[in-house]
Structure formats: structure tokens, C-alpha cells
Amino acid sequence: MHKIRKFEINDQEQVEKLFLQLIGGGVDLNAKELINDNAVHCLVIEENKEVVGFASLIIYYLPTLGKMGEIEDVVVAEKCRGKGFWQRNNECTHRTRKRKKTQKIATHKQS
């Protein structure tokens, strides 16, 4: 069974491994900065105590459009792709967006 929860400091190593599957290198993840940044909301998918997915919601303000949200850095472990994890994580991220009262949201699916 999987669960979606907030990203925590001790998830950093597992999330870095996920990004290496996606981009192959050049990961510059600072868990402490992400967690302390009020504009960034990160979620992980955990299955059997292993982090198998990650997504971040960035919230910002534009004078012409108001409060906006953007889903970035979405990644699901290769072994878990095709199980609907991305969709489930996306739904949770959209609920966070609604709680933060953003006007619009952009989504960038990477896998």
C-alpha cells in the first residue's frame, strides 16, 4: 500500500536517487531549504517505507493574474510507473493548491 505525505529532511537521499533515474545526474537537492521555503510544497509517495515518487508545488504572485501555482519536478520510480501514482500525487498537489487559494496552476509531467 502506498501513501502520500509531506517531504521530510530524511527523504533527501531517496529523492535524489529518483531524480537520477529521471535525469541521470546533476541533482542539487537541499531538503532543508525546500522544507523551509514557504513558497514550495513538496510531497512524496511512499510504498513499503521507500520513497517512490516526488512532486513540488511552487506558489507565487503575479500582479496581473494573482496567486499562481506550478507543479514541478514530478518523478516516479521506474518500477512504479504505470500504477497511477503520478495521478494520485497530482490530485494531492491540487488539493494543496486549493488550500493556498491559488488562481491557476500549470502542470509539467516528466514521468
C-alpha atoms as a PDB file:
ATOM      1  CA  MET A   1       0.000   0.000   0.000  1.00  0.00           C
ATOM      2  CA  HIS A   2       1.278   3.482  -0.792  1.00  0.00           C
ATOM      3  CA  LYS A   3       0.738   6.775   0.977  1.00  0.00           C
ATOM      4  CA  ILE A   4       1.367  10.380   0.053  1.00  0.00           C
ATOM      5  CA  ARG A   5       2.901  12.641   2.653  1.00  0.00           C
ATOM      6  CA  LYS A   6       4.945  15.799   3.050  1.00  0.00           C
ATOM      7  CA  PHE A   7       8.609  15.673   2.068  1.00  0.00           C
ATOM      8  CA  GLU A   8      10.914  15.380   5.094  1.00  0.00           C
ATOM      9  CA  ILE A   9      14.630  16.043   5.612  1.00  0.00           C
ATOM     10  CA  ASN A  10      15.461  12.345   5.849  1.00  0.00           C
ATOM     11  CA  ASP A  11      13.865  11.727   2.409  1.00  0.00           C
ATOM     12  CA  GLN A  12      16.674  13.595   0.640  1.00  0.00           C
ATOM     13  CA  GLU A  13      18.818  10.598  -0.326  1.00  0.00           C
ATOM     14  CA  GLN A  14      15.900   8.573  -1.685  1.00  0.00           C
ATOM     15  CA  VAL A  15      14.531  11.541  -3.655  1.00  0.00           C
ATOM     16  CA  GLU A  16      17.969  12.220  -5.154  1.00  0.00           C
ATOM     17  CA  LYS A  17      18.014   8.601  -6.396  1.00  0.00           C
ATOM     18  CA  LEU A  18      14.624   9.158  -8.041  1.00  0.00           C
ATOM     19  CA  PHE A  19      15.921  12.216  -9.895  1.00  0.00           C
ATOM     20  CA  LEU A  20      18.984  10.289 -11.042  1.00  0.00           C
ATOM     21  CA  GLN A  21      16.590   7.811 -12.724  1.00  0.00           C
ATOM     22  CA  LEU A  22      14.941  10.724 -14.499  1.00  0.00           C
ATOM     23  CA  ILE A  23      17.841  12.968 -15.498  1.00  0.00           C
ATOM     24  CA  GLY A  24      20.927  10.834 -14.958  1.00  0.00           C
ATOM     25  CA  GLY A  25      22.921  13.396 -12.943  1.00  0.00           C
ATOM     26  CA  GLY A  26      23.291  16.971 -11.809  1.00  0.00           C
ATOM     27  CA  VAL A  27      20.877  16.767  -8.865  1.00  0.00           C
ATOM     28  CA  ASP A  28      21.177  19.730  -6.485  1.00  0.00           C
ATOM     29  CA  LEU A  29      18.631  18.902  -3.800  1.00  0.00           C
ATOM     30  CA  ASN A  30      18.747  20.732  -0.473  1.00  0.00           C
ATOM     31  CA  ALA A  31      15.990  19.249   1.681  1.00  0.00           C
ATOM     32  CA  LYS A  32      16.350  21.826   4.434  1.00  0.00           C
ATOM     33  CA  GLU A  33      15.923  24.745   2.022  1.00  0.00           C
ATOM     34  CA  LEU A  34      12.906  23.140   0.339  1.00  0.00           C
ATOM     35  CA  ILE A  35      11.204  22.476   3.653  1.00  0.00           C
ATOM     36  CA  ASN A  36      11.917  25.992   4.958  1.00  0.00           C
ATOM     37  CA  ASP A  37      10.711  27.753   1.783  1.00  0.00           C
ATOM     38  CA  ASN A  38       7.080  28.797   2.325  1.00  0.00           C
ATOM     39  CA  ALA A  39       6.517  29.090  -1.431  1.00  0.00           C
ATOM     40  CA  VAL A  40       7.448  25.441  -2.066  1.00  0.00           C
ATOM     41  CA  HIS A  41       5.275  22.496  -1.024  1.00  0.00           C
ATOM     42  CA  CYS A  42       6.767  19.052  -1.646  1.00  0.00           C
ATOM     43  CA  LEU A  43       5.049  15.679  -1.479  1.00  0.00           C
ATOM     44  CA  VAL A  44       6.449  12.169  -1.653  1.00  0.00           C
ATOM     45  CA  ILE A  45       4.828   8.843  -2.436  1.00  0.00           C
ATOM     46  CA  GLU A  46       5.927   6.143  -0.052  1.00  0.00           C
ATOM     47  CA  GLU A  47       5.451   2.423  -0.619  1.00  0.00           C
ATOM     48  CA  ASN A  48       6.708  -0.124   1.919  1.00  0.00           C
ATOM     49  CA  LYS A  49       8.739   2.624   3.669  1.00  0.00           C
ATOM     50  CA  GLU A  50      10.513   3.512   0.397  1.00  0.00           C
ATOM     51  CA  VAL A  51      10.075   6.872  -1.341  1.00  0.00           C
ATOM     52  CA  VAL A  52       8.932   6.042  -4.892  1.00  0.00           C
ATOM     53  CA  GLY A  53       7.628   9.433  -6.037  1.00  0.00           C
ATOM     54  CA  PHE A  54       8.060  13.171  -5.578  1.00  0.00           C
ATOM     55  CA  ALA A  55       6.352  16.377  -6.721  1.00  0.00           C
ATOM     56  CA  SER A  56       6.649  20.026  -5.766  1.00  0.00           C
ATOM     57  CA  LEU A  57       4.095  22.818  -5.906  1.00  0.00           C
ATOM     58  CA  ILE A  58       5.559  26.312  -6.226  1.00  0.00           C
ATOM     59  CA  ILE A  59       3.254  29.205  -5.310  1.00  0.00           C
ATOM     60  CA  TYR A  60       3.982  32.739  -6.496  1.00  0.00           C
ATOM     61  CA  TYR A  61       2.150  36.003  -7.110  1.00  0.00           C
ATOM     62  CA  LEU A  62       1.760  37.846 -10.420  1.00  0.00           C
ATOM     63  CA  PRO A  63       0.286  41.370 -10.413  1.00  0.00           C
ATOM     64  CA  THR A  64      -1.877  40.665 -13.462  1.00  0.00           C
ATOM     65  CA  LEU A  65      -3.110  37.179 -12.520  1.00  0.00           C
ATOM     66  CA  GLY A  66      -2.919  36.929  -8.735  1.00  0.00           C
ATOM     67  CA  LYS A  67      -1.652  33.959  -6.774  1.00  0.00           C
ATOM     68  CA  MET A  68      -0.443  31.196  -9.092  1.00  0.00           C
ATOM     69  CA  GLY A  69       0.779  27.647  -8.613  1.00  0.00           C
ATOM     70  CA  GLU A  70       3.055  25.452 -10.663  1.00  0.00           C
ATOM     71  CA  ILE A  71       3.686  21.728 -10.277  1.00  0.00           C
ATOM     72  CA  GLU A  72       7.325  20.918 -10.931  1.00  0.00           C
ATOM     73  CA  ASP A  73       9.874  18.161 -10.506  1.00  0.00           C
ATOM     74  CA  VAL A  74       7.425  15.283 -10.741  1.00  0.00           C
ATOM     75  CA  VAL A  75       9.142  11.914 -10.706  1.00  0.00           C
ATOM     76  CA  VAL A  76       8.011   8.328 -10.049  1.00  0.00           C
ATOM     77  CA  ALA A  77      10.410   5.396  -9.650  1.00  0.00           C
ATOM     78  CA  GLU A  78      10.767   3.333 -12.823  1.00  0.00           C
ATOM     79  CA  LYS A  79       9.437   0.210 -11.075  1.00  0.00           C
ATOM     80  CA  CYS A  80       6.244   2.058 -10.059  1.00  0.00           C
ATOM     81  CA  ARG A  81       5.377   3.785 -13.320  1.00  0.00           C
ATOM     82  CA  GLY A  82       2.031   2.879 -14.832  1.00  0.00           C
ATOM     83  CA  LYS A  83       0.401   2.268 -11.425  1.00  0.00           C
ATOM     84  CA  GLY A  84      -1.384   5.628 -11.258  1.00  0.00           C
ATOM     85  CA  PHE A  85       0.976   7.120  -8.671  1.00  0.00           C
ATOM     86  CA  TRP A  86       1.541  10.294 -10.691  1.00  0.00           C
ATOM     87  CA  GLN A  87      -2.206  10.878 -10.935  1.00  0.00           C
ATOM     88  CA  ARG A  88      -2.700  10.323  -7.194  1.00  0.00           C
ATOM     89  CA  ASN A  89       0.181  12.655  -6.333  1.00  0.00           C
ATOM     90  CA  ASN A  90      -1.203  15.245  -8.749  1.00  0.00           C
ATOM     91  CA  GLU A  91      -4.600  15.122  -7.012  1.00  0.00           C
ATOM     92  CA  CYS A  92      -2.973  15.754  -3.616  1.00  0.00           C
ATOM     93  CA  THR A  93      -0.918  18.608  -5.040  1.00  0.00           C
ATOM     94  CA  HIS A  94      -4.077  20.200  -6.452  1.00  0.00           C
ATOM     95  CA  ARG A  95      -5.747  19.973  -3.025  1.00  0.00           C
ATOM     96  CA  THR A  96      -2.767  21.834  -1.561  1.00  0.00           C
ATOM     97  CA  ARG A  97      -3.161  24.465  -4.292  1.00  0.00           C
ATOM     98  CA  LYS A  98      -6.820  24.951  -3.364  1.00  0.00           C
ATOM     99  CA  ARG A  99      -5.966  25.342   0.330  1.00  0.00           C
ATOM    100  CA  LYS A 100      -3.435  28.028  -0.621  1.00  0.00           C
ATOM    101  CA  LYS A 101      -6.112  29.751  -2.760  1.00  0.00           C
ATOM    102  CA  THR A 102      -4.140  29.978  -5.980  1.00  0.00           C
ATOM    103  CA  GLN A 103      -5.966  31.203  -9.083  1.00  0.00           C
ATOM    104  CA  LYS A 104      -4.406  28.928 -11.712  1.00  0.00           C
ATOM    105  CA  ILE A 105      -1.948  26.110 -11.919  1.00  0.00           C
ATOM    106  CA  ALA A 106       0.492  24.854 -14.520  1.00  0.00           C
ATOM    107  CA  THR A 107       1.491  21.193 -14.615  1.00  0.00           C
ATOM    108  CA  HIS A 108       4.649  19.758 -16.119  1.00  0.00           C
ATOM    109  CA  LYS A 109       4.579  15.952 -16.240  1.00  0.00           C
ATOM    110  CA  GLN A 110       8.056  14.422 -16.518  1.00  0.00           C
ATOM    111  CA  SER A 111       7.308  10.788 -15.537  1.00  0.00           C
END
